[in-house]
Amino acid sequence: MQPSMLSVSIAAAVLFALAEIADWRRRNRHDVDNVGFMPWRGIALVSVAVALLSAVVWLHQQ
């Protein structure tokens, strides 16, 4: 069964929120040398693009 575009949009929005929280934690870290390796800003941008596009497709199908 294929997931609806609304559920894809919701999942991408949740991923966006998690990536923004992780990016905020990385920007406010105490140890400046402990930068990590995840590109949280890029993940947030891609997930918000997926959320918007899937919401547009879902609305167009209605």
C-alpha atoms as a PDB file:
ATOM      1  CA  MET A   1       0.000   0.000   0.000  1.00  0.00           C
ATOM      2  CA  GLN A   2       1.416   3.353  -0.993  1.00  0.00           C
ATOM      3  CA  PRO A   3       1.578   6.066   1.629  1.00  0.00           C
ATOM      4  CA  SER A   4      -0.419   9.151   0.835  1.00  0.00           C
ATOM      5  CA  MET A   5       1.377  12.364   0.033  1.00  0.00           C
ATOM      6  CA  LEU A   6      -0.016  13.876   3.213  1.00  0.00           C
ATOM      7  CA  SER A   7       1.813  11.322   5.353  1.00  0.00           C
ATOM      8  CA  VAL A   8       5.025  11.938   3.385  1.00  0.00           C
ATOM      9  CA  SER A   9       4.584  15.657   3.993  1.00  0.00           C
ATOM     10  CA  ILE A  10       4.030  15.151   7.722  1.00  0.00           C
ATOM     11  CA  ALA A  11       7.052  12.870   8.018  1.00  0.00           C
ATOM     12  CA  ALA A  12       9.243  15.376   6.190  1.00  0.00           C
ATOM     13  CA  ALA A  13       7.985  18.179   8.441  1.00  0.00           C
ATOM     14  CA  VAL A  14       8.875  16.124  11.522  1.00  0.00           C
ATOM     15  CA  LEU A  15      12.330  15.464  10.066  1.00  0.00           C
ATOM     16  CA  PHE A  16      12.674  19.205   9.447  1.00  0.00           C
ATOM     17  CA  ALA A  17      11.861  19.946  13.090  1.00  0.00           C
ATOM     18  CA  LEU A  18      14.356  17.351  14.322  1.00  0.00           C
ATOM     19  CA  ALA A  19      17.075  18.679  12.030  1.00  0.00           C
ATOM     20  CA  GLU A  20      16.479  22.238  13.214  1.00  0.00           C
ATOM     21  CA  ILE A  21      16.707  21.146  16.850  1.00  0.00           C
ATOM     22  CA  ALA A  22      19.928  19.252  16.138  1.00  0.00           C
ATOM     23  CA  ASP A  23      21.378  22.224  14.267  1.00  0.00           C
ATOM     24  CA  TRP A  24      20.478  24.531  17.149  1.00  0.00           C
ATOM     25  CA  ARG A  25      22.199  22.165  19.587  1.00  0.00           C
ATOM     26  CA  ARG A  26      25.272  22.084  17.358  1.00  0.00           C
ATOM     27  CA  ARG A  27      25.428  25.885  17.144  1.00  0.00           C
ATOM     28  CA  ASN A  28      25.116  26.210  20.947  1.00  0.00           C
ATOM     29  CA  ARG A  29      27.614  23.504  21.930  1.00  0.00           C
ATOM     30  CA  HIS A  30      30.067  24.026  24.771  1.00  0.00           C
ATOM     31  CA  ASP A  31      33.012  22.241  23.160  1.00  0.00           C
ATOM     32  CA  VAL A  32      33.860  24.246  20.029  1.00  0.00           C
ATOM     33  CA  ASP A  33      36.060  21.467  18.616  1.00  0.00           C
ATOM     34  CA  ASN A  34      33.270  18.876  18.758  1.00  0.00           C
ATOM     35  CA  VAL A  35      31.548  19.776  15.483  1.00  0.00           C
ATOM     36  CA  GLY A  36      30.092  16.437  14.415  1.00  0.00           C
ATOM     37  CA  PHE A  37      29.612  15.205  10.857  1.00  0.00           C
ATOM     38  CA  MET A  38      25.894  15.503  10.071  1.00  0.00           C
ATOM     39  CA  PRO A  39      24.929  18.328   7.689  1.00  0.00           C
ATOM     40  CA  TRP A  40      21.842  19.357   9.675  1.00  0.00           C
ATOM     41  CA  ARG A  41      21.226  22.541   7.680  1.00  0.00           C
ATOM     42  CA  GLY A  42      21.175  20.583   4.404  1.00  0.00           C
ATOM     43  CA  ILE A  43      18.925  17.912   5.867  1.00  0.00           C
ATOM     44  CA  ALA A  44      16.523  20.619   7.050  1.00  0.00           C
ATOM     45  CA  LEU A  45      16.452  22.297   3.645  1.00  0.00           C
ATOM     46  CA  VAL A  46      15.827  19.072   1.748  1.00  0.00           C
ATOM     47  CA  SER A  47      13.144  17.933   4.179  1.00  0.00           C
ATOM     48  CA  VAL A  48      11.248  21.235   3.996  1.00  0.00           C
ATOM     49  CA  ALA A  49      11.395  21.059   0.184  1.00  0.00           C
ATOM     50  CA  VAL A  50      10.012  17.503   0.252  1.00  0.00           C
ATOM     51  CA  ALA A  51       7.303  18.543   2.718  1.00  0.00           C
ATOM     52  CA  LEU A  52       6.182  21.456   0.559  1.00  0.00           C
ATOM     53  CA  LEU A  53       6.259  19.527  -2.712  1.00  0.00           C
ATOM     54  CA  SER A  54       4.387  16.546  -1.316  1.00  0.00           C
ATOM     55  CA  ALA A  55       1.776  18.861   0.228  1.00  0.00           C
ATOM     56  CA  VAL A  56       1.296  20.545  -3.148  1.00  0.00           C
ATOM     57  CA  VAL A  57       0.899  17.154  -4.860  1.00  0.00           C
ATOM     58  CA  TRP A  58      -1.551  16.028  -2.171  1.00  0.00           C
ATOM     59  CA  LEU A  59      -3.615  19.194  -2.604  1.00  0.00           C
ATOM     60  CA  HIS A  60      -3.568  18.795  -6.371  1.00  0.00           C
ATOM     61  CA  GLN A  61      -4.914  15.234  -6.052  1.00  0.00           C
ATOM     62  CA  GLN A  62      -7.858  16.417  -3.969  1.00  0.00           C
END
